[in-house]
């Protein structure tokens, strides 16, 4: 987890749409898995036009966990949500990017898949 006023080592952007049934459990599980790693991190939930309680749950989680933030877009658009989430990350990411990226801390960079 990133300490206050520090830049996290990795940022994880998760686009979500109508995920109220699994969002809380998925985030708690991800936090548990990340807690064993030696890197600081942040999680950005990129909510995009959900019609269920996804945005409400993301807001509650972000208020409870300092390493978690959310970004809301009005329209259901996966690509736009991903781009907005990436714009809001705190870690250093080279831009422009060409497709889904995942942090690969062991290699010291980013990997495209």
C-alpha atoms as a PDB file:
ATOM      1  CA  UNK A   1       0.000   0.000   0.000  1.00  0.00           C
ATOM      2  CA  UNK A   2       1.240   3.483  -0.775  1.00  0.00           C
ATOM      3  CA  UNK A   3       2.120   5.628   2.194  1.00  0.00           C
ATOM      4  CA  UNK A   4       0.451   9.063   2.270  1.00  0.00           C
ATOM      5  CA  UNK A   5       2.170  11.583  -0.031  1.00  0.00           C
ATOM      6  CA  UNK A   6       4.284   8.937  -1.768  1.00  0.00           C
ATOM      7  CA  UNK A   7       4.119   7.742  -5.335  1.00  0.00           C
ATOM      8  CA  UNK A   8       3.092   4.071  -5.523  1.00  0.00           C
ATOM      9  CA  UNK A   9       5.375   1.603  -7.274  1.00  0.00           C
ATOM     10  CA  UNK A  10       2.502   0.131  -9.264  1.00  0.00           C
ATOM     11  CA  UNK A  11      -0.977   1.245 -10.238  1.00  0.00           C
ATOM     12  CA  UNK A  12      -3.757  -1.171 -11.053  1.00  0.00           C
ATOM     13  CA  UNK A  13      -6.658   0.146 -13.136  1.00  0.00           C
ATOM     14  CA  UNK A  14      -9.813  -1.953 -13.126  1.00  0.00           C
ATOM     15  CA  UNK A  15     -12.626  -0.927 -15.500  1.00  0.00           C
ATOM     16  CA  UNK A  16     -15.974  -2.027 -14.035  1.00  0.00           C
ATOM     17  CA  UNK A  17     -19.549  -2.014 -15.302  1.00  0.00           C
ATOM     18  CA  UNK A  18     -22.482  -3.337 -13.260  1.00  0.00           C
ATOM     19  CA  UNK A  19     -20.236  -5.325 -10.908  1.00  0.00           C
ATOM     20  CA  UNK A  20     -22.097  -4.788  -7.626  1.00  0.00           C
ATOM     21  CA  UNK A  21     -22.328  -8.543  -7.042  1.00  0.00           C
ATOM     22  CA  UNK A  22     -18.544  -9.067  -7.012  1.00  0.00           C
ATOM     23  CA  UNK A  23     -16.789  -5.693  -6.645  1.00  0.00           C
ATOM     24  CA  UNK A  24     -16.360  -5.623  -2.867  1.00  0.00           C
ATOM     25  CA  UNK A  25     -15.124  -9.227  -2.657  1.00  0.00           C
ATOM     26  CA  UNK A  26     -12.823  -8.790  -5.669  1.00  0.00           C
ATOM     27  CA  UNK A  27     -11.197  -5.669  -4.226  1.00  0.00           C
ATOM     28  CA  UNK A  28     -10.756  -7.224  -0.797  1.00  0.00           C
ATOM     29  CA  UNK A  29      -9.196 -10.318  -2.378  1.00  0.00           C
ATOM     30  CA  UNK A  30      -6.868  -8.199  -4.523  1.00  0.00           C
ATOM     31  CA  UNK A  31      -5.761  -6.167  -1.501  1.00  0.00           C
ATOM     32  CA  UNK A  32      -5.025  -9.372   0.397  1.00  0.00           C
ATOM     33  CA  UNK A  33      -2.927 -10.725  -2.460  1.00  0.00           C
ATOM     34  CA  UNK A  34      -1.039  -7.455  -2.892  1.00  0.00           C
ATOM     35  CA  UNK A  35      -0.287  -7.149   0.824  1.00  0.00           C
ATOM     36  CA  UNK A  36       2.451  -9.795   0.537  1.00  0.00           C
ATOM     37  CA  UNK A  37       4.347  -7.937  -2.177  1.00  0.00           C
ATOM     38  CA  UNK A  38       7.192  -5.556  -1.357  1.00  0.00           C
ATOM     39  CA  UNK A  39       5.862  -2.754  -3.624  1.00  0.00           C
ATOM     40  CA  UNK A  40       3.596   0.110  -2.750  1.00  0.00           C
ATOM     41  CA  UNK A  41       0.475   0.189  -4.899  1.00  0.00           C
ATOM     42  CA  UNK A  42      -2.737   1.942  -5.714  1.00  0.00           C
ATOM     43  CA  UNK A  43      -5.942   0.563  -7.169  1.00  0.00           C
ATOM     44  CA  UNK A  44      -8.076   2.739  -9.436  1.00  0.00           C
ATOM     45  CA  UNK A  45     -11.610   1.517 -10.068  1.00  0.00           C
ATOM     46  CA  UNK A  46     -12.726   2.953 -13.414  1.00  0.00           C
ATOM     47  CA  UNK A  47     -16.504   2.735 -13.221  1.00  0.00           C
ATOM     48  CA  UNK A  48     -18.256   3.315 -16.525  1.00  0.00           C
ATOM     49  CA  UNK A  49     -21.970   3.989 -16.612  1.00  0.00           C
ATOM     50  CA  UNK A  50     -23.176   1.270 -14.261  1.00  0.00           C
ATOM     51  CA  UNK A  51     -26.905   1.126 -13.577  1.00  0.00           C
ATOM     52  CA  UNK A  52     -26.591  -0.914 -10.378  1.00  0.00           C
ATOM     53  CA  UNK A  53     -24.804  -0.055  -7.091  1.00  0.00           C
ATOM     54  CA  UNK A  54     -21.276  -0.385  -8.515  1.00  0.00           C
ATOM     55  CA  UNK A  55     -20.474   3.329  -8.188  1.00  0.00           C
ATOM     56  CA  UNK A  56     -21.839   3.447  -4.630  1.00  0.00           C
ATOM     57  CA  UNK A  57     -19.713   0.444  -3.635  1.00  0.00           C
ATOM     58  CA  UNK A  58     -16.601   1.913  -5.296  1.00  0.00           C
ATOM     59  CA  UNK A  59     -17.180   5.157  -3.371  1.00  0.00           C
ATOM     60  CA  UNK A  60     -17.511   3.282  -0.072  1.00  0.00           C
ATOM     61  CA  UNK A  61     -14.360   1.247  -0.720  1.00  0.00           C
ATOM     62  CA  UNK A  62     -12.348   4.342  -1.673  1.00  0.00           C
ATOM     63  CA  UNK A  63     -13.459   6.077   1.529  1.00  0.00           C
ATOM     64  CA  UNK A  64     -12.317   3.085   3.579  1.00  0.00           C
ATOM     65  CA  UNK A  65      -8.995   2.223   1.887  1.00  0.00           C
ATOM     66  CA  UNK A  66      -6.411   4.936   1.258  1.00  0.00           C
ATOM     67  CA  UNK A  67      -4.749   3.094  -1.634  1.00  0.00           C
ATOM     68  CA  UNK A  68      -8.019   2.830  -3.532  1.00  0.00           C
ATOM     69  CA  UNK A  69      -9.534   5.509  -5.755  1.00  0.00           C
ATOM     70  CA  UNK A  70     -12.314   5.518  -8.279  1.00  0.00           C
ATOM     71  CA  UNK A  71     -13.098   7.387 -11.446  1.00  0.00           C
ATOM     72  CA  UNK A  72     -16.648   7.624 -12.820  1.00  0.00           C
ATOM     73  CA  UNK A  73     -17.639   8.075 -16.448  1.00  0.00           C
ATOM     74  CA  UNK A  74     -21.267   8.448 -17.493  1.00  0.00           C
ATOM     75  CA  UNK A  75     -21.334   6.232 -20.558  1.00  0.00           C
ATOM     76  CA  UNK A  76     -20.739   2.462 -20.616  1.00  0.00           C
ATOM     77  CA  UNK A  77     -17.504   2.432 -22.593  1.00  0.00           C
ATOM     78  CA  UNK A  78     -14.714   0.062 -21.533  1.00  0.00           C
ATOM     79  CA  UNK A  79     -11.982   1.849 -23.488  1.00  0.00           C
ATOM     80  CA  UNK A  80     -12.921   5.277 -22.181  1.00  0.00           C
ATOM     81  CA  UNK A  81     -13.081   3.976 -18.612  1.00  0.00           C
ATOM     82  CA  UNK A  82      -9.635   2.407 -18.975  1.00  0.00           C
ATOM     83  CA  UNK A  83      -8.161   5.627 -20.414  1.00  0.00           C
ATOM     84  CA  UNK A  84      -9.739   7.741 -17.656  1.00  0.00           C
ATOM     85  CA  UNK A  85      -8.429   5.370 -15.008  1.00  0.00           C
ATOM     86  CA  UNK A  86      -4.930   5.500 -16.457  1.00  0.00           C
ATOM     87  CA  UNK A  87      -5.039   9.302 -16.489  1.00  0.00           C
ATOM     88  CA  UNK A  88      -5.718   9.255 -12.752  1.00  0.00           C
ATOM     89  CA  UNK A  89      -2.895   6.946 -11.673  1.00  0.00           C
ATOM     90  CA  UNK A  90      -0.088   8.263  -9.522  1.00  0.00           C
ATOM     91  CA  UNK A  91       2.737   5.920 -10.518  1.00  0.00           C
ATOM     92  CA  UNK A  92       5.007   6.696 -13.427  1.00  0.00           C
ATOM     93  CA  UNK A  93       3.726   5.206 -16.683  1.00  0.00           C
ATOM     94  CA  UNK A  94       5.199   5.993 -20.104  1.00  0.00           C
ATOM     95  CA  UNK A  95       2.676   7.486 -22.528  1.00  0.00           C
ATOM     96  CA  UNK A  96       1.316   7.029 -25.105  1.00  0.00           C
ATOM     97  CA  UNK A  97       0.295   3.408 -24.695  1.00  0.00           C
ATOM     98  CA  UNK A  98      -1.097   1.035 -27.319  1.00  0.00           C
ATOM     99  CA  UNK A  99      -3.227  -1.457 -25.489  1.00  0.00           C
ATOM    100  CA  UNK A 100      -3.862  -3.229 -22.243  1.00  0.00           C
ATOM    101  CA  UNK A 101      -0.823  -2.826 -20.019  1.00  0.00           C
ATOM    102  CA  UNK A 102       0.019  -4.588 -16.857  1.00  0.00           C
ATOM    103  CA  UNK A 103       2.666  -3.628 -14.364  1.00  0.00           C
ATOM    104  CA  UNK A 104       5.562  -6.053 -14.272  1.00  0.00           C
ATOM    105  CA  UNK A 105       7.586  -4.927 -11.251  1.00  0.00           C
ATOM    106  CA  UNK A 106      10.070  -7.802 -11.481  1.00  0.00           C
ATOM    107  CA  UNK A 107      11.173  -6.636 -14.926  1.00  0.00           C
ATOM    108  CA  UNK A 108      11.153  -2.997 -13.891  1.00  0.00           C
ATOM    109  CA  UNK A 109       8.754  -1.926 -16.611  1.00  0.00           C
ATOM    110  CA  UNK A 110       5.487  -2.477 -18.367  1.00  0.00           C
ATOM    111  CA  UNK A 111       4.395  -5.428 -20.428  1.00  0.00           C
ATOM    112  CA  UNK A 112       1.843  -5.296 -23.230  1.00  0.00           C
ATOM    113  CA  UNK A 113      -0.418  -8.331 -23.699  1.00  0.00           C
END
